[in-house]
PDB file of N, CA and C in Angstrom:
ATOM      1  N   UNK A   1      23.211 -33.649  19.822  1.00  0.00           N
ATOM      2  CA  UNK A   1      21.828 -33.437  19.439  1.00  0.00           C
ATOM      3  C   UNK A   1      21.361 -32.027  19.815  1.00  0.00           C
ATOM      4  N   UNK A   2      21.825 -31.547  20.933  1.00  0.00           N
ATOM      5  CA  UNK A   2      21.419 -30.222  21.397  1.00  0.00           C
ATOM      6  C   UNK A   2      21.922 -29.134  20.439  1.00  0.00           C
ATOM      7  N   UNK A   3      23.143 -29.289  19.927  1.00  0.00           N
ATOM      8  CA  UNK A   3      23.694 -28.307  18.996  1.00  0.00           C
ATOM      9  C   UNK A   3      22.908 -28.284  17.679  1.00  0.00           C
ATOM     10  N   UNK A   4      22.511 -29.462  17.218  1.00  0.00           N
ATOM     11  CA  UNK A   4      21.750 -29.552  15.973  1.00  0.00           C
ATOM     12  C   UNK A   4      20.398 -28.859  16.134  1.00  0.00           C
ATOM     13  N   UNK A   5      19.738 -29.099  17.251  1.00  0.00           N
ATOM     14  CA  UNK A   5      18.435 -28.477  17.496  1.00  0.00           C
ATOM     15  C   UNK A   5      18.578 -26.960  17.609  1.00  0.00           C
ATOM     16  N   UNK A   6      19.605 -26.494  18.290  1.00  0.00           N
ATOM     17  CA  UNK A   6      19.842 -25.053  18.418  1.00  0.00           C
ATOM     18  C   UNK A   6      20.107 -24.446  17.049  1.00  0.00           C
ATOM     19  N   UNK A   7      20.881 -25.129  16.239  1.00  0.00           N
ATOM     20  CA  UNK A   7      21.178 -24.644  14.897  1.00  0.00           C
ATOM     21  C   UNK A   7      19.921 -24.581  14.034  1.00  0.00           C
ATOM     22  N   UNK A   8      19.074 -25.600  14.106  1.00  0.00           N
ATOM     23  CA  UNK A   8      17.830 -25.613  13.326  1.00  0.00           C
ATOM     24  C   UNK A   8      16.877 -24.513  13.772  1.00  0.00           C
ATOM     25  N   UNK A   9      16.754 -24.285  15.076  1.00  0.00           N
ATOM     26  CA  UNK A   9      15.874 -23.224  15.580  1.00  0.00           C
ATOM     27  C   UNK A   9      16.399 -21.861  15.141  1.00  0.00           C
ATOM     28  N   UNK A  10      17.697 -21.662  15.222  1.00  0.00           N
ATOM     29  CA  UNK A  10      18.294 -20.396  14.786  1.00  0.00           C
ATOM     30  C   UNK A  10      18.070 -20.155  13.302  1.00  0.00           C
ATOM     31  N   UNK A  11      18.227 -21.193  12.500  1.00  0.00           N
ATOM     32  CA  UNK A  11      18.015 -21.061  11.062  1.00  0.00           C
ATOM     33  C   UNK A  11      16.559 -20.746  10.746  1.00  0.00           C
ATOM     34  N   UNK A  12      15.643 -21.384  11.448  1.00  0.00           N
ATOM     35  CA  UNK A  12      14.216 -21.129  11.228  1.00  0.00           C
ATOM     36  C   UNK A  12      13.854 -19.696  11.605  1.00  0.00           C
ATOM     37  N   UNK A  13      14.384 -19.218  12.716  1.00  0.00           N
ATOM     38  CA  UNK A  13      14.113 -17.832  13.125  1.00  0.00           C
ATOM     39  C   UNK A  13      14.695 -16.833  12.131  1.00  0.00           C
ATOM     40  N   UNK A  14      15.918 -17.091  11.675  1.00  0.00           N
ATOM     41  CA  UNK A  14      16.544 -16.190  10.707  1.00  0.00           C
ATOM     42  C   UNK A  14      15.757 -16.158   9.398  1.00  0.00           C
ATOM     43  N   UNK A  15      15.291 -17.303   8.963  1.00  0.00           N
ATOM     44  CA  UNK A  15      14.492 -17.366   7.733  1.00  0.00           C
ATOM     45  C   UNK A  15      13.186 -16.598   7.902  1.00  0.00           C
ATOM     46  N   UNK A  16      12.547 -16.763   9.039  1.00  0.00           N
ATOM     47  CA  UNK A  16      11.293 -16.044   9.302  1.00  0.00           C
ATOM     48  C   UNK A  16      11.496 -14.548   9.327  1.00  0.00           C
ATOM     49  N   UNK A  17      12.575 -14.082   9.928  1.00  0.00           N
ATOM     50  CA  UNK A  17      12.862 -12.647   9.977  1.00  0.00           C
ATOM     51  C   UNK A  17      13.145 -12.114   8.576  1.00  0.00           C
ATOM     52  N   UNK A  18      13.933 -12.846   7.805  1.00  0.00           N
ATOM     53  CA  UNK A  18      14.234 -12.396   6.440  1.00  0.00           C
ATOM     54  C   UNK A  18      12.989 -12.338   5.573  1.00  0.00           C
ATOM     55  N   UNK A  19      12.125 -13.328   5.683  1.00  0.00           N
ATOM     56  CA  UNK A  19      10.900 -13.329   4.880  1.00  0.00           C
ATOM     57  C   UNK A  19       9.975 -12.197   5.276  1.00  0.00           C
ATOM     58  N   UNK A  20       9.873 -11.913   6.561  1.00  0.00           N
ATOM     59  CA  UNK A  20       8.975 -10.839   6.997  1.00  0.00           C
ATOM     60  C   UNK A  20       9.525  -9.471   6.608  1.00  0.00           C
ATOM     61  N   UNK A  21      10.834  -9.332   6.518  1.00  0.00           N
ATOM     62  CA  UNK A  21      11.421  -8.049   6.144  1.00  0.00           C
ATOM     63  C   UNK A  21      11.316  -7.796   4.645  1.00  0.00           C
ATOM     64  N   UNK A  22      11.351  -8.847   3.842  1.00  0.00           N
ATOM     65  CA  UNK A  22      11.338  -8.663   2.390  1.00  0.00           C
ATOM     66  C   UNK A  22       9.935  -8.706   1.799  1.00  0.00           C
ATOM     67  N   UNK A  23       8.938  -9.093   2.567  1.00  0.00           N
ATOM     68  CA  UNK A  23       7.576  -9.165   2.043  1.00  0.00           C
ATOM     69  C   UNK A  23       7.024  -7.753   1.869  1.00  0.00           C
ATOM     70  N   UNK A  24       6.402  -7.506   0.739  1.00  0.00           N
ATOM     71  CA  UNK A  24       5.809  -6.197   0.484  1.00  0.00           C
ATOM     72  C   UNK A  24       4.481  -6.080   1.217  1.00  0.00           C
ATOM     73  N   UNK A  25       4.226  -4.948   1.864  1.00  0.00           N
ATOM     74  CA  UNK A  25       2.956  -4.782   2.565  1.00  0.00           C
ATOM     75  C   UNK A  25       1.797  -4.625   1.585  1.00  0.00           C
ATOM     76  N   UNK A  26       0.659  -5.130   1.962  1.00  0.00           N
ATOM     77  CA  UNK A  26      -0.540  -4.968   1.142  1.00  0.00           C
ATOM     78  C   UNK A  26      -1.000  -3.519   1.233  1.00  0.00           C
ATOM     79  N   UNK A  27      -1.320  -2.939   0.103  1.00  0.00           N
ATOM     80  CA  UNK A  27      -1.752  -1.554   0.096  1.00  0.00           C
ATOM     81  C   UNK A  27      -3.264  -1.499  -0.047  1.00  0.00           C
ATOM     82  N   UNK A  28      -3.895  -1.052   0.998  1.00  0.00           N
ATOM     83  CA  UNK A  28      -5.343  -0.920   0.975  1.00  0.00           C
ATOM     84  C   UNK A  28      -5.712   0.425   0.353  1.00  0.00           C
ATOM     85  N   UNK A  29      -6.826   0.448  -0.322  1.00  0.00           N
ATOM     86  CA  UNK A  29      -7.314   1.684  -0.924  1.00  0.00           C
ATOM     87  C   UNK A  29      -7.836   2.593   0.175  1.00  0.00           C
ATOM     88  N   UNK A  30      -7.465   3.866   0.143  1.00  0.00           N
ATOM     89  CA  UNK A  30      -7.931   4.812   1.146  1.00  0.00           C
ATOM     90  C   UNK A  30      -8.205   6.163   0.495  1.00  0.00           C
ATOM     91  N   UNK A  31      -8.957   7.007   1.184  1.00  0.00           N
ATOM     92  CA  UNK A  31      -9.278   8.336   0.668  1.00  0.00           C
ATOM     93  C   UNK A  31      -8.032   9.205   0.727  1.00  0.00           C
ATOM     94  N   UNK A  32      -7.688   9.824  -0.389  1.00  0.00           N
ATOM     95  CA  UNK A  32      -6.524  10.706  -0.443  1.00  0.00           C
ATOM     96  C   UNK A  32      -6.935  12.170  -0.368  1.00  0.00           C
ATOM     97  N   UNK A  33      -7.979  12.563  -1.120  1.00  0.00           N
ATOM     98  CA  UNK A  33      -8.427  13.954  -1.147  1.00  0.00           C
ATOM     99  C   UNK A  33      -9.923  14.005  -1.435  1.00  0.00           C
ATOM    100  N   UNK A  34     -10.513  15.168  -1.189  1.00  0.00           N
ATOM    101  CA  UNK A  34     -11.911  15.429  -1.547  1.00  0.00           C
ATOM    102  C   UNK A  34     -11.946  16.689  -2.414  1.00  0.00           C
ATOM    103  N   UNK A  35     -12.730  16.642  -3.483  1.00  0.00           N
ATOM    104  CA  UNK A  35     -12.803  17.746  -4.441  1.00  0.00           C
ATOM    105  C   UNK A  35     -14.262  18.143  -4.659  1.00  0.00           C
ATOM    106  N   UNK A  36     -14.450  19.388  -5.115  1.00  0.00           N
ATOM    107  CA  UNK A  36     -15.775  19.840  -5.510  1.00  0.00           C
ATOM    108  C   UNK A  36     -16.123  19.422  -6.933  1.00  0.00           C
ATOM    109  N   UNK A  37     -15.111  19.367  -7.798  1.00  0.00           N
ATOM    110  CA  UNK A  37     -15.337  19.085  -9.214  1.00  0.00           C
ATOM    111  C   UNK A  37     -14.757  17.728  -9.609  1.00  0.00           C
ATOM    112  N   UNK A  38     -15.453  17.039 -10.503  1.00  0.00           N
ATOM    113  CA  UNK A  38     -14.996  15.748 -10.988  1.00  0.00           C
ATOM    114  C   UNK A  38     -13.660  15.880 -11.717  1.00  0.00           C
ATOM    115  N   UNK A  39     -13.518  16.919 -12.509  1.00  0.00           N
ATOM    116  CA  UNK A  39     -12.274  17.098 -13.273  1.00  0.00           C
ATOM    117  C   UNK A  39     -11.068  17.263 -12.347  1.00  0.00           C
ATOM    118  N   UNK A  40     -11.250  17.963 -11.238  1.00  0.00           N
ATOM    119  CA  UNK A  40     -10.150  18.117 -10.284  1.00  0.00           C
ATOM    120  C   UNK A  40      -9.758  16.771  -9.681  1.00  0.00           C
ATOM    121  N   UNK A  41     -10.738  15.926  -9.415  1.00  0.00           N
ATOM    122  CA  UNK A  41     -10.468  14.613  -8.853  1.00  0.00           C
ATOM    123  C   UNK A  41      -9.625  13.783  -9.823  1.00  0.00           C
ATOM    124  N   UNK A  42     -10.018  13.747 -11.086  1.00  0.00           N
ATOM    125  CA  UNK A  42      -9.267  12.973 -12.068  1.00  0.00           C
ATOM    126  C   UNK A  42      -7.885  13.565 -12.330  1.00  0.00           C
ATOM    127  N   UNK A  43      -7.790  14.892 -12.344  1.00  0.00           N
ATOM    128  CA  UNK A  43      -6.481  15.515 -12.519  1.00  0.00           C
ATOM    129  C   UNK A  43      -5.564  15.187 -11.338  1.00  0.00           C
ATOM    130  N   UNK A  44      -6.095  15.239 -10.138  1.00  0.00           N
ATOM    131  CA  UNK A  44      -5.305  14.899  -8.958  1.00  0.00           C
ATOM    132  C   UNK A  44      -4.876  13.444  -8.960  1.00  0.00           C
ATOM    133  N   UNK A  45      -5.752  12.547  -9.374  1.00  0.00           N
ATOM    134  CA  UNK A  45      -5.406  11.134  -9.453  1.00  0.00           C
ATOM    135  C   UNK A  45      -4.315  10.861 -10.458  1.00  0.00           C
ATOM    136  N   UNK A  46      -4.422  11.486 -11.632  1.00  0.00           N
ATOM    137  CA  UNK A  46      -3.394  11.307 -12.665  1.00  0.00           C
ATOM    138  C   UNK A  46      -2.062  11.912 -12.240  1.00  0.00           C
ATOM    139  N   UNK A  47      -2.116  13.034 -11.543  1.00  0.00           N
ATOM    140  CA  UNK A  47      -0.892  13.645 -11.045  1.00  0.00           C
ATOM    141  C   UNK A  47      -0.202  12.735 -10.027  1.00  0.00           C
ATOM    142  N   UNK A  48      -0.976  12.091  -9.161  1.00  0.00           N
ATOM    143  CA  UNK A  48      -0.416  11.158  -8.190  1.00  0.00           C
ATOM    144  C   UNK A  48       0.266   9.973  -8.851  1.00  0.00           C
ATOM    145  N   UNK A  49      -0.295   9.505  -9.968  1.00  0.00           N
ATOM    146  CA  UNK A  49       0.343   8.420 -10.717  1.00  0.00           C
ATOM    147  C   UNK A  49       1.647   8.908 -11.337  1.00  0.00           C
ATOM    148  N   UNK A  50       1.632  10.101 -11.937  1.00  0.00           N
ATOM    149  CA  UNK A  50       2.840  10.637 -12.564  1.00  0.00           C
ATOM    150  C   UNK A  50       3.958  10.839 -11.553  1.00  0.00           C
ATOM    151  N   UNK A  51       3.624  11.263 -10.357  1.00  0.00           N
ATOM    152  CA  UNK A  51       4.633  11.545  -9.331  1.00  0.00           C
ATOM    153  C   UNK A  51       4.995  10.306  -8.516  1.00  0.00           C
ATOM    154  N   UNK A  52       4.354   9.173  -8.816  1.00  0.00           N
ATOM    155  CA  UNK A  52       4.709   7.929  -8.160  1.00  0.00           C
ATOM    156  C   UNK A  52       4.120   7.736  -6.771  1.00  0.00           C
ATOM    157  N   UNK A  53       3.078   8.480  -6.429  1.00  0.00           N
ATOM    158  CA  UNK A  53       2.465   8.351  -5.103  1.00  0.00           C
ATOM    159  C   UNK A  53       1.589   7.117  -5.014  1.00  0.00           C
ATOM    160  N   UNK A  54       0.966   6.724  -6.129  1.00  0.00           N
ATOM    161  CA  UNK A  54       0.141   5.522  -6.191  1.00  0.00           C
ATOM    162  C   UNK A  54       0.128   5.021  -7.623  1.00  0.00           C
ATOM    163  N   UNK A  55      -0.336   3.779  -7.786  1.00  0.00           N
ATOM    164  CA  UNK A  55      -0.320   3.167  -9.120  1.00  0.00           C
ATOM    165  C   UNK A  55      -1.688   3.166  -9.787  1.00  0.00           C
ATOM    166  N   UNK A  56      -2.748   3.340  -9.019  1.00  0.00           N
ATOM    167  CA  UNK A  56      -4.098   3.416  -9.592  1.00  0.00           C
ATOM    168  C   UNK A  56      -4.959   4.255  -8.652  1.00  0.00           C
ATOM    169  N   UNK A  57      -6.078   4.722  -9.172  1.00  0.00           N
ATOM    170  CA  UNK A  57      -6.985   5.528  -8.365  1.00  0.00           C
ATOM    171  C   UNK A  57      -8.402   5.395  -8.911  1.00  0.00           C
ATOM    172  N   UNK A  58      -9.351   5.874  -8.135  1.00  0.00           N
ATOM    173  CA  UNK A  58     -10.728   6.005  -8.615  1.00  0.00           C
ATOM    174  C   UNK A  58     -11.353   7.209  -7.928  1.00  0.00           C
ATOM    175  N   UNK A  59     -12.300   7.841  -8.613  1.00  0.00           N
ATOM    176  CA  UNK A  59     -13.025   8.980  -8.078  1.00  0.00           C
ATOM    177  C   UNK A  59     -14.470   8.561  -7.840  1.00  0.00           C
ATOM    178  N   UNK A  60     -14.998   8.921  -6.689  1.00  0.00           N
ATOM    179  CA  UNK A  60     -16.344   8.521  -6.314  1.00  0.00           C
ATOM    180  C   UNK A  60     -17.109   9.743  -5.805  1.00  0.00           C
ATOM    181  N   UNK A  61     -18.333   9.926  -6.309  1.00  0.00           N
ATOM    182  CA  UNK A  61     -19.165  11.051  -5.904  1.00  0.00           C
ATOM    183  C   UNK A  61     -20.018  10.653  -4.703  1.00  0.00           C
ATOM    184  N   UNK A  62     -19.818  11.341  -3.586  1.00  0.00           N
ATOM    185  CA  UNK A  62     -20.553  11.046  -2.354  1.00  0.00           C
ATOM    186  C   UNK A  62     -20.871  12.343  -1.624  1.00  0.00           C
ATOM    187  N   UNK A  63     -22.138  12.563  -1.325  1.00  0.00           N
ATOM    188  CA  UNK A  63     -22.584  13.706  -0.517  1.00  0.00           C
ATOM    189  C   UNK A  63     -22.095  15.058  -1.035  1.00  0.00           C
ATOM    190  N   UNK A  64     -22.104  15.230  -2.343  1.00  0.00           N
ATOM    191  CA  UNK A  64     -21.743  16.513  -2.932  1.00  0.00           C
ATOM    192  C   UNK A  64     -20.264  16.723  -3.163  1.00  0.00           C
ATOM    193  N   UNK A  65     -19.422  15.746  -2.877  1.00  0.00           N
ATOM    194  CA  UNK A  65     -17.983  15.852  -3.070  1.00  0.00           C
ATOM    195  C   UNK A  65     -17.477  14.685  -3.913  1.00  0.00           C
ATOM    196  N   UNK A  66     -16.383  14.922  -4.585  1.00  0.00           N
ATOM    197  CA  UNK A  66     -15.686  13.865  -5.319  1.00  0.00           C
ATOM    198  C   UNK A  66     -14.505  13.421  -4.468  1.00  0.00           C
ATOM    199  N   UNK A  67     -14.498  12.158  -4.097  1.00  0.00           N
ATOM    200  CA  UNK A  67     -13.440  11.601  -3.261  1.00  0.00           C
ATOM    201  C   UNK A  67     -12.478  10.802  -4.124  1.00  0.00           C
ATOM    202  N   UNK A  68     -11.196  11.075  -3.934  1.00  0.00           N
ATOM    203  CA  UNK A  68     -10.134  10.371  -4.640  1.00  0.00           C
ATOM    204  C   UNK A  68      -9.652   9.231  -3.755  1.00  0.00           C
ATOM    205  N   UNK A  69      -9.841   8.008  -4.238  1.00  0.00           N
ATOM    206  CA  UNK A  69      -9.362   6.813  -3.553  1.00  0.00           C
ATOM    207  C   UNK A  69      -8.141   6.296  -4.299  1.00  0.00           C
ATOM    208  N   UNK A  70      -7.096   5.977  -3.561  1.00  0.00           N
ATOM    209  CA  UNK A  70      -5.887   5.418  -4.187  1.00  0.00           C
ATOM    210  C   UNK A  70      -5.275   4.392  -3.263  1.00  0.00           C
TER     211      UNK A  70
END
């Protein structure tokens, strides 16, 4: 009985480690850059998508600057 319990605990731990290693992390939106012009913000966002840095972005005007969130 002791061997069976040890085997089950080992299998459960191994499964937990494998699942935690293969799970993709959640990507929270964060500020990437600040721009003076709206066009620069959109150009920078599109460039980041082309280069594979992020999959989506948004530009937001706050306190006289355009902030790129991705």
